C-alpha atoms as a PDB file:
ATOM      1  CA  MET A   1      89.177 104.489 148.012  1.00  0.00           C
ATOM      2  CA  THR A   2      88.108 101.023 146.970  1.00  0.00           C
ATOM      3  CA  THR A   3      84.824  99.518 148.094  1.00  0.00           C
ATOM      4  CA  SER A   4      84.568  96.731 145.520  1.00  0.00           C
ATOM      5  CA  SER A   5      85.080  93.031 146.155  1.00  0.00           C
ATOM      6  CA  GLN A   6      88.564  93.155 144.648  1.00  0.00           C
ATOM      7  CA  GLN A   7      91.821  93.490 146.534  1.00  0.00           C
ATOM      8  CA  PRO A   8      92.320  97.220 147.223  1.00  0.00           C
ATOM      9  CA  GLU A   9      95.295  98.970 145.745  1.00  0.00           C
ATOM     10  CA  GLY A  10      97.599 100.261 148.424  1.00  0.00           C
ATOM     11  CA  LYS A  11     101.067  99.963 149.846  1.00  0.00           C
ATOM     12  CA  TYR A  12     102.820  98.000 152.565  1.00  0.00           C
ATOM     13  CA  ALA A  13     105.094  99.320 155.273  1.00  0.00           C
ATOM     14  CA  ALA A  14     107.530  96.954 156.970  1.00  0.00           C
ATOM     15  CA  VAL A  15     107.024  98.057 160.570  1.00  0.00           C
ATOM     16  CA  ASN A  16     107.168  96.336 163.950  1.00  0.00           C
ATOM     17  CA  GLY A  17     107.825  92.929 162.402  1.00  0.00           C
ATOM     18  CA  ILE A  18     104.815  92.928 160.030  1.00  0.00           C
ATOM     19  CA  ASN A  19     103.814  94.283 156.618  1.00  0.00           C
ATOM     20  CA  LEU A  20     101.158  96.886 157.393  1.00  0.00           C
ATOM     21  CA  TYR A  21      98.707  97.734 154.609  1.00  0.00           C
ATOM     22  CA  TYR A  22      97.930 101.417 154.083  1.00  0.00           C
ATOM     23  CA  GLU A  23      96.495 103.773 151.482  1.00  0.00           C
ATOM     24  CA  VAL A  24      97.301 107.445 150.923  1.00  0.00           C
ATOM     25  CA  HIS A  25      94.703 109.864 149.569  1.00  0.00           C
ATOM     26  CA  GLY A  26      94.667 113.629 149.197  1.00  0.00           C
ATOM     27  CA  THR A  27      97.222 116.269 150.151  1.00  0.00           C
ATOM     28  CA  GLY A  28      97.869 118.381 153.207  1.00  0.00           C
ATOM     29  CA  GLU A  29      98.725 117.607 156.805  1.00  0.00           C
ATOM     30  CA  PRO A  30      98.707 113.856 157.550  1.00  0.00           C
ATOM     31  CA  LEU A  31      95.648 112.258 159.147  1.00  0.00           C
ATOM     32  CA  VAL A  32      95.939 108.562 160.028  1.00  0.00           C
ATOM     33  CA  MET A  33      92.545 106.810 160.100  1.00  0.00           C
ATOM     34  CA  LEU A  34      92.026 103.521 161.963  1.00  0.00           C
ATOM     35  CA  HIS A  35      88.899 101.430 161.444  1.00  0.00           C
ATOM     36  CA  GLY A  36      86.862  99.329 163.887  1.00  0.00           C
ATOM     37  CA  GLY A  37      86.940  95.609 164.553  1.00  0.00           C
ATOM     38  CA  PHE A  38      86.531  93.251 161.564  1.00  0.00           C
ATOM     39  CA  GLY A  39      86.435  96.214 159.211  1.00  0.00           C
ATOM     40  CA  THR A  40      88.815  97.935 156.817  1.00  0.00           C
ATOM     41  CA  PHE A  41      89.642 101.540 156.079  1.00  0.00           C
ATOM     42  CA  ALA A  42      87.753 101.360 152.775  1.00  0.00           C
ATOM     43  CA  THR A  43      84.524  99.953 154.203  1.00  0.00           C
ATOM     44  CA  MET A  44      84.212 101.833 157.474  1.00  0.00           C
ATOM     45  CA  TYR A  45      85.213 105.253 156.178  1.00  0.00           C
ATOM     46  CA  SER A  46      83.636 105.147 152.736  1.00  0.00           C
ATOM     47  CA  ALA A  47      81.359 108.064 153.611  1.00  0.00           C
ATOM     48  CA  LEU A  48      83.610 110.180 155.818  1.00  0.00           C
ATOM     49  CA  ALA A  49      87.101 109.862 154.336  1.00  0.00           C
ATOM     50  CA  PRO A  50      86.356 111.497 150.948  1.00  0.00           C
ATOM     51  CA  ALA A  51      85.284 114.696 152.690  1.00  0.00           C
ATOM     52  CA  LEU A  52      88.445 114.736 154.811  1.00  0.00           C
ATOM     53  CA  MET A  53      90.619 114.094 151.752  1.00  0.00           C
ATOM     54  CA  GLU A  54      89.625 117.498 150.380  1.00  0.00           C
ATOM     55  CA  THR A  55      91.876 119.240 152.892  1.00  0.00           C
ATOM     56  CA  ARG A  56      94.083 116.528 154.411  1.00  0.00           C
ATOM     57  CA  GLN A  57      96.447 113.760 153.377  1.00  0.00           C
ATOM     58  CA  VAL A  58      94.439 110.810 154.617  1.00  0.00           C
ATOM     59  CA  ILE A  59      96.437 107.686 155.474  1.00  0.00           C
ATOM     60  CA  GLY A  60      94.017 104.803 155.753  1.00  0.00           C
ATOM     61  CA  VAL A  61      95.329 101.752 157.567  1.00  0.00           C
ATOM     62  CA  ASP A  62      94.131  98.153 157.702  1.00  0.00           C
ATOM     63  CA  LEU A  63      94.966  97.102 161.251  1.00  0.00           C
ATOM     64  CA  TYR A  64      96.866  93.916 162.085  1.00  0.00           C
ATOM     65  CA  GLY A  65      94.947  90.872 160.836  1.00  0.00           C
ATOM     66  CA  HIS A  66      92.352  92.996 159.038  1.00  0.00           C
ATOM     67  CA  GLY A  67      91.886  93.725 155.343  1.00  0.00           C
ATOM     68  CA  GLY A  68      95.210  93.723 153.536  1.00  0.00           C
ATOM     69  CA  THR A  69      97.320  93.196 156.670  1.00  0.00           C
ATOM     70  CA  VAL A  70      97.842  89.499 157.396  1.00  0.00           C
ATOM     71  CA  LEU A  71      98.229  87.841 160.763  1.00  0.00           C
ATOM     72  CA  THR A  72     101.688  86.623 161.696  1.00  0.00           C
ATOM     73  CA  GLU A  73     102.817  84.601 164.694  1.00  0.00           C
ATOM     74  CA  ARG A  74     102.697  87.774 166.769  1.00  0.00           C
ATOM     75  CA  PRO A  75      99.841  87.844 169.296  1.00  0.00           C
ATOM     76  CA  MET A  76      97.292  90.605 168.806  1.00  0.00           C
ATOM     77  CA  SER A  77      97.195  93.412 171.360  1.00  0.00           C
ATOM     78  CA  PHE A  78      96.229  97.072 171.499  1.00  0.00           C
ATOM     79  CA  GLU A  79      99.791  97.909 172.437  1.00  0.00           C
ATOM     80  CA  SER A  80     101.483  96.097 169.547  1.00  0.00           C
ATOM     81  CA  MET A  81      99.000  97.565 167.052  1.00  0.00           C
ATOM     82  CA  ALA A  82      99.755 101.015 168.475  1.00  0.00           C
ATOM     83  CA  ASP A  83     103.442 100.375 167.886  1.00  0.00           C
ATOM     84  CA  ASP A  84     102.528  99.516 164.278  1.00  0.00           C
ATOM     85  CA  ILE A  85     100.937 102.943 163.839  1.00  0.00           C
ATOM     86  CA  ALA A  86     103.825 104.824 165.415  1.00  0.00           C
ATOM     87  CA  GLY A  87     106.149 102.848 163.154  1.00  0.00           C
ATOM     88  CA  LEU A  88     104.074 103.782 160.104  1.00  0.00           C
ATOM     89  CA  ILE A  89     104.187 107.494 160.946  1.00  0.00           C
ATOM     90  CA  GLU A  90     107.973 107.267 161.183  1.00  0.00           C
ATOM     91  CA  TYR A  91     108.165 105.078 158.043  1.00  0.00           C
ATOM     92  CA  LEU A  92     106.311 107.740 156.073  1.00  0.00           C
ATOM     93  CA  GLY A  93     108.778 110.380 157.210  1.00  0.00           C
ATOM     94  CA  PHE A  94     106.476 112.380 159.474  1.00  0.00           C
ATOM     95  CA  GLU A  95     107.516 113.656 162.865  1.00  0.00           C
ATOM     96  CA  GLN A  96     103.863 113.710 163.908  1.00  0.00           C
ATOM     97  CA  ALA A  97     100.394 113.067 162.515  1.00  0.00           C
ATOM     98  CA  ASP A  98      96.821 113.516 163.643  1.00  0.00           C
ATOM     99  CA  VAL A  99      95.477 110.083 164.535  1.00  0.00           C
ATOM    100  CA  PHE A 100      91.787 109.185 164.179  1.00  0.00           C
ATOM    101  CA  GLY A 101      90.210 105.944 165.357  1.00  0.00           C
ATOM    102  CA  PHE A 102      86.817 104.312 165.761  1.00  0.00           C
ATOM    103  CA  SER A 103      86.075 101.557 168.321  1.00  0.00           C
ATOM    104  CA  LEU A 104      88.954  99.035 168.006  1.00  0.00           C
ATOM    105  CA  GLY A 105      90.804 101.636 165.965  1.00  0.00           C
ATOM    106  CA  GLY A 106      90.073 104.177 168.666  1.00  0.00           C
ATOM    107  CA  ALA A 107      91.668 101.944 171.286  1.00  0.00           C
ATOM    108  CA  VAL A 108      94.717 101.556 169.040  1.00  0.00           C
ATOM    109  CA  ALA A 109      94.820 105.317 168.420  1.00  0.00           C
ATOM    110  CA  LEU A 110      94.588 105.976 172.152  1.00  0.00           C
ATOM    111  CA  GLN A 111      97.399 103.547 172.889  1.00  0.00           C
ATOM    112  CA  THR A 112      99.468 105.191 170.146  1.00  0.00           C
ATOM    113  CA  ALA A 113      99.077 108.510 171.949  1.00  0.00           C
ATOM    114  CA  ILE A 114      99.883 106.906 175.316  1.00  0.00           C
ATOM    115  CA  ARG A 115     102.922 104.930 174.137  1.00  0.00           C
ATOM    116  CA  HIS A 116     104.210 107.342 171.478  1.00  0.00           C
ATOM    117  CA  PRO A 117     102.974 110.842 172.376  1.00  0.00           C
ATOM    118  CA  GLU A 118     105.747 112.416 170.328  1.00  0.00           C
ATOM    119  CA  ARG A 119     104.156 110.974 167.179  1.00  0.00           C
ATOM    120  CA  VAL A 120     100.590 112.237 167.749  1.00  0.00           C
ATOM    121  CA  SER A 121      99.720 115.897 167.269  1.00  0.00           C
ATOM    122  CA  ARG A 122      95.935 115.587 167.675  1.00  0.00           C
ATOM    123  CA  LEU A 123      93.851 112.580 168.667  1.00  0.00           C
ATOM    124  CA  ILE A 124      90.282 111.913 167.500  1.00  0.00           C
ATOM    125  CA  LEU A 125      88.377 109.047 169.120  1.00  0.00           C
ATOM    126  CA  ILE A 126      84.938 107.872 168.039  1.00  0.00           C
ATOM    127  CA  SER A 127      82.991 105.374 170.156  1.00  0.00           C
ATOM    128  CA  THR A 128      86.023 104.634 172.292  1.00  0.00           C
ATOM    129  CA  PRO A 129      86.040 104.088 176.064  1.00  0.00           C
ATOM    130  CA  CYS A 130      89.147 104.571 178.183  1.00  0.00           C
ATOM    131  CA  LYS A 131      88.491 101.319 180.051  1.00  0.00           C
ATOM    132  CA  ARG A 132      86.790  98.063 179.158  1.00  0.00           C
ATOM    133  CA  ALA A 133      84.140  98.608 181.823  1.00  0.00           C
ATOM    134  CA  GLY A 134      83.138 101.751 179.929  1.00  0.00           C
ATOM    135  CA  TRP A 135      81.308  99.635 177.341  1.00  0.00           C
ATOM    136  CA  HIS A 136      77.697  98.681 178.006  1.00  0.00           C
ATOM    137  CA  PRO A 137      77.569  95.174 179.597  1.00  0.00           C
ATOM    138  CA  GLU A 138      75.994  93.642 176.497  1.00  0.00           C
ATOM    139  CA  MET A 139      78.821  95.039 174.383  1.00  0.00           C
ATOM    140  CA  GLN A 140      81.416  93.528 176.708  1.00  0.00           C
ATOM    141  CA  GLU A 141      79.708  90.148 176.431  1.00  0.00           C
ATOM    142  CA  GLY A 142      79.341  90.335 172.658  1.00  0.00           C
ATOM    143  CA  MET A 143      83.030  91.045 172.171  1.00  0.00           C
ATOM    144  CA  THR A 144      83.955  87.560 173.309  1.00  0.00           C
ATOM    145  CA  SER A 145      80.882  85.418 172.686  1.00  0.00           C
ATOM    146  CA  ASN A 146      80.624  85.336 168.885  1.00  0.00           C
ATOM    147  CA  SER A 147      82.370  82.460 167.132  1.00  0.00           C
ATOM    148  CA  ALA A 148      83.817  82.240 163.633  1.00  0.00           C
ATOM    149  CA  THR A 149      80.774  80.117 162.706  1.00  0.00           C
ATOM    150  CA  PHE A 150      78.488  82.967 163.721  1.00  0.00           C
ATOM    151  CA  PHE A 151      80.419  85.486 161.630  1.00  0.00           C
ATOM    152  CA  ARG A 152      80.356  83.250 158.551  1.00  0.00           C
ATOM    153  CA  ASN A 153      76.638  84.019 158.266  1.00  0.00           C
ATOM    154  CA  THR A 154      77.179  87.784 158.312  1.00  0.00           C
ATOM    155  CA  PRO A 155      78.476  90.347 155.797  1.00  0.00           C
ATOM    156  CA  ILE A 156      81.627  90.624 157.909  1.00  0.00           C
ATOM    157  CA  TYR A 157      82.911  87.306 156.610  1.00  0.00           C
ATOM    158  CA  GLY A 158      82.184  88.116 152.979  1.00  0.00           C
ATOM    159  CA  ALA A 159      83.932  91.460 153.266  1.00  0.00           C
ATOM    160  CA  TYR A 160      86.951  89.807 154.880  1.00  0.00           C
ATOM    161  CA  VAL A 161      87.472  87.089 152.281  1.00  0.00           C
ATOM    162  CA  SER A 162      87.004  89.575 149.423  1.00  0.00           C
ATOM    163  CA  VAL A 163      90.192  91.471 150.334  1.00  0.00           C
ATOM    164  CA  ALA A 164      92.242  89.330 152.745  1.00  0.00           C
ATOM    165  CA  PRO A 165      95.510  87.999 151.264  1.00  0.00           C
ATOM    166  CA  LYS A 166      94.975  84.818 153.328  1.00  0.00           C
ATOM    167  CA  PRO A 167      91.203  84.244 153.652  1.00  0.00           C
ATOM    168  CA  ASP A 168      91.735  81.020 155.590  1.00  0.00           C
ATOM    169  CA  ASP A 169      93.005  83.104 158.508  1.00  0.00           C
ATOM    170  CA  PHE A 170      89.474  84.223 159.385  1.00  0.00           C
ATOM    171  CA  ASP A 171      88.922  81.710 162.190  1.00  0.00           C
ATOM    172  CA  ARG A 172      92.223  82.701 163.727  1.00  0.00           C
ATOM    173  CA  LEU A 173      91.345  86.389 163.459  1.00  0.00           C
ATOM    174  CA  VAL A 174      88.111  85.794 165.384  1.00  0.00           C
ATOM    175  CA  SER A 175      90.037  83.921 168.063  1.00  0.00           C
ATOM    176  CA  GLU A 176      92.649  86.668 168.337  1.00  0.00           C
ATOM    177  CA  MET A 177      89.959  89.353 168.516  1.00  0.00           C
ATOM    178  CA  ASN A 178      88.061  87.494 171.230  1.00  0.00           C
ATOM    179  CA  HIS A 179      91.234  87.313 173.282  1.00  0.00           C
ATOM    180  CA  THR A 180      92.218  90.946 172.739  1.00  0.00           C
ATOM    181  CA  LEU A 181      88.762  92.392 173.339  1.00  0.00           C
ATOM    182  CA  GLY A 182      88.224  90.123 176.327  1.00  0.00           C
ATOM    183  CA  ASP A 183      91.265  91.331 178.249  1.00  0.00           C
ATOM    184  CA  ASP A 184      90.411  93.840 180.956  1.00  0.00           C
ATOM    185  CA  TYR A 185      92.022  97.258 180.831  1.00  0.00           C
ATOM    186  CA  ASP A 186      91.752 100.674 182.442  1.00  0.00           C
ATOM    187  CA  TRP A 187      93.851 103.446 180.895  1.00  0.00           C
ATOM    188  CA  SER A 188      92.418 106.277 183.000  1.00  0.00           C
ATOM    189  CA  ALA A 189      95.726 107.239 184.600  1.00  0.00           C
ATOM    190  CA  GLN A 190      97.511 107.304 181.240  1.00  0.00           C
ATOM    191  CA  VAL A 191      94.693 109.347 179.689  1.00  0.00           C
ATOM    192  CA  ALA A 192      94.974 111.960 182.429  1.00  0.00           C
ATOM    193  CA  ALA A 193      98.649 112.415 181.530  1.00  0.00           C
ATOM    194  CA  LEU A 194      98.057 113.110 177.815  1.00  0.00           C
ATOM    195  CA  LYS A 195      99.175 116.536 176.621  1.00  0.00           C
ATOM    196  CA  MET A 196      97.922 116.667 173.019  1.00  0.00           C
ATOM    197  CA  PRO A 197      94.380 117.882 172.211  1.00  0.00           C
ATOM    198  CA  VAL A 198      91.858 115.028 172.174  1.00  0.00           C
ATOM    199  CA  LEU A 199      88.428 115.060 170.540  1.00  0.00           C
ATOM    200  CA  ILE A 200      86.043 112.508 172.046  1.00  0.00           C
ATOM    201  CA  ILE A 201      83.009 111.725 169.894  1.00  0.00           C
ATOM    202  CA  SER A 202      80.229 109.403 170.982  1.00  0.00           C
ATOM    203  CA  GLY A 203      76.659 108.769 169.941  1.00  0.00           C
ATOM    204  CA  ASP A 204      73.842 109.304 172.404  1.00  0.00           C
ATOM    205  CA  SER A 205      72.849 105.671 171.772  1.00  0.00           C
ATOM    206  CA  ASP A 206      76.354 104.268 171.352  1.00  0.00           C
ATOM    207  CA  GLY A 207      77.998 101.084 172.643  1.00  0.00           C
ATOM    208  CA  LEU A 208      79.144 103.134 175.623  1.00  0.00           C
ATOM    209  CA  PRO A 209      76.855 105.403 177.647  1.00  0.00           C
ATOM    210  CA  PRO A 210      77.239 109.183 177.286  1.00  0.00           C
ATOM    211  CA  MET A 211      78.197 109.318 180.955  1.00  0.00           C
ATOM    212  CA  HIS A 212      81.394 107.394 180.180  1.00  0.00           C
ATOM    213  CA  ALA A 213      82.334 109.837 177.413  1.00  0.00           C
ATOM    214  CA  VAL A 214      81.880 112.612 179.982  1.00  0.00           C
ATOM    215  CA  GLU A 215      84.069 110.701 182.462  1.00  0.00           C
ATOM    216  CA  PHE A 216      86.718 110.367 179.737  1.00  0.00           C
ATOM    217  CA  PHE A 217      86.518 114.117 179.048  1.00  0.00           C
ATOM    218  CA  ASN A 218      86.840 114.865 182.769  1.00  0.00           C
ATOM    219  CA  LEU A 219      90.137 112.934 182.858  1.00  0.00           C
ATOM    220  CA  LEU A 220      91.473 115.414 180.288  1.00  0.00           C
ATOM    221  CA  GLY A 221      90.446 118.322 182.493  1.00  0.00           C
ATOM    222  CA  GLY A 222      87.299 119.075 180.528  1.00  0.00           C
ATOM    223  CA  GLY A 223      83.859 119.838 181.935  1.00  0.00           C
ATOM    224  CA  LEU A 224      85.104 120.460 185.456  1.00  0.00           C
ATOM    225  CA  ARG A 225      84.324 124.196 185.665  1.00  0.00           C
ATOM    226  CA  ASP A 226      82.628 127.008 183.825  1.00  0.00           C
ATOM    227  CA  ALA A 227      84.563 128.108 180.754  1.00  0.00           C
ATOM    228  CA  GLY A 228      84.431 131.776 181.682  1.00  0.00           C
ATOM    229  CA  TRP A 229      83.021 134.564 179.578  1.00  0.00           C
ATOM    230  CA  ASP A 230      86.184 134.645 177.473  1.00  0.00           C
ATOM    231  CA  GLY A 231      86.733 130.868 177.384  1.00  0.00           C
ATOM    232  CA  ALA A 232      89.839 131.192 179.542  1.00  0.00           C
ATOM    233  CA  ASN A 233      89.030 128.034 181.487  1.00  0.00           C
ATOM    234  CA  MET A 234      88.539 125.813 178.459  1.00  0.00           C
ATOM    235  CA  VAL A 235      90.935 122.923 177.878  1.00  0.00           C
ATOM    236  CA  PRO A 236      92.460 121.942 174.491  1.00  0.00           C
ATOM    237  CA  SER A 237      90.385 118.743 174.367  1.00  0.00           C
ATOM    238  CA  GLN A 238      86.740 118.591 173.325  1.00  0.00           C
ATOM    239  CA  LEU A 239      83.682 116.361 173.709  1.00  0.00           C
ATOM    240  CA  ALA A 240      80.833 115.807 171.255  1.00  0.00           C
ATOM    241  CA  ILE A 241      77.754 113.659 171.886  1.00  0.00           C
ATOM    242  CA  LEU A 242      75.980 113.185 168.563  1.00  0.00           C
ATOM    243  CA  PRO A 243      72.169 112.918 168.539  1.00  0.00           C
ATOM    244  CA  GLY A 244      70.878 109.700 167.030  1.00  0.00           C
ATOM    245  CA  GLY A 245      74.382 108.272 166.915  1.00  0.00           C
ATOM    246  CA  THR A 246      74.805 104.530 167.422  1.00  0.00           C
ATOM    247  CA  HIS A 247      77.826 102.259 167.260  1.00  0.00           C
ATOM    248  CA  TYR A 248      76.624 101.118 163.847  1.00  0.00           C
ATOM    249  CA  ASN A 249      75.793 104.371 162.058  1.00  0.00           C
ATOM    250  CA  ILE A 250      78.065 106.990 163.582  1.00  0.00           C
ATOM    251  CA  ASN A 251      80.857 106.660 160.986  1.00  0.00           C
ATOM    252  CA  PHE A 252      78.351 107.365 158.230  1.00  0.00           C
ATOM    253  CA  ARG A 253      76.751 110.456 159.801  1.00  0.00           C
ATOM    254  CA  VAL A 254      78.956 112.845 157.891  1.00  0.00           C
ATOM    255  CA  ASP A 255      76.374 115.588 158.456  1.00  0.00           C
ATOM    256  CA  LEU A 256      77.006 115.372 162.196  1.00  0.00           C
ATOM    257  CA  LEU A 257      80.717 114.539 162.165  1.00  0.00           C
ATOM    258  CA  LEU A 258      82.137 117.192 159.851  1.00  0.00           C
ATOM    259  CA  PRO A 259      80.915 120.245 161.821  1.00  0.00           C
ATOM    260  CA  VAL A 260      82.754 118.830 164.837  1.00  0.00           C
ATOM    261  CA  LEU A 261      85.829 117.430 163.101  1.00  0.00           C
ATOM    262  CA  THR A 262      86.634 120.314 160.757  1.00  0.00           C
ATOM    263  CA  PRO A 263      87.365 123.045 163.322  1.00  0.00           C
ATOM    264  CA  PHE A 264      89.155 120.644 165.670  1.00  0.00           C
ATOM    265  CA  LEU A 265      91.472 119.409 162.925  1.00  0.00           C
ATOM    266  CA  ALA A 266      92.110 123.012 161.924  1.00  0.00           C
ATOM    267  CA  GLY A 267      93.209 123.781 165.468  1.00  0.00           C
ATOM    268  CA  GLY A 268      90.142 125.784 166.421  1.00  0.00           C
ATOM    269  CA  LYS A 269      87.080 125.323 168.573  1.00  0.00           C
ATOM    270  CA  ALA A 270      83.799 123.858 167.406  1.00  0.00           C
END
């Protein structure tokens, strides 16, 4: 992984009408990792990805308009970005892959599972609601209220221009993100129809309240009855609420994440 101010070394996949930047690290079963808004694979998973690379082939993606993937004339949407990921899995020659996403990347991962369930074997979502109203009200407001001028005074802008092939696209990226994150959505019905195992991870002080993560888990059939002495009533999906987890530190709490992620990715129970 590259965390320096130089352009990262990766590859490009011609999928869904764009050139999607990705990196491949490690060996084993494929695990596609999708970062949060205004981030990159290298920056948001600098702590967690190396541990996962020890047992998995980690495919780190820079989502549309982020990092090494430039904006085109195509409008930004969760759905089109999900089609990018399904296209990448096919491009790499995999029938299926585990797909992992945080925040914006979680929404894209979720839409990938909804739109292309045949491509997703297991789904891991961190800090990801199943509907826009699941975010705290202040989070919903913040997603559309910050301008490009505001971001120019934050590390987000410096990180963007250090790796973006077209740094002048930053203002347009902010505009596209405001539009995408401002659109209302409720994917509850589609979530309830998912068949693959889903791991929902949220912090107890996250951008969404723990009660929404529980609601999400309920849609998957989880938490609705006692498991039974032999676990016979458990569902394939799982829920983890991490103590001290916030929307800003949860990706870096490897000590809390790995004990939950490792057994789930191995097909077992935490």
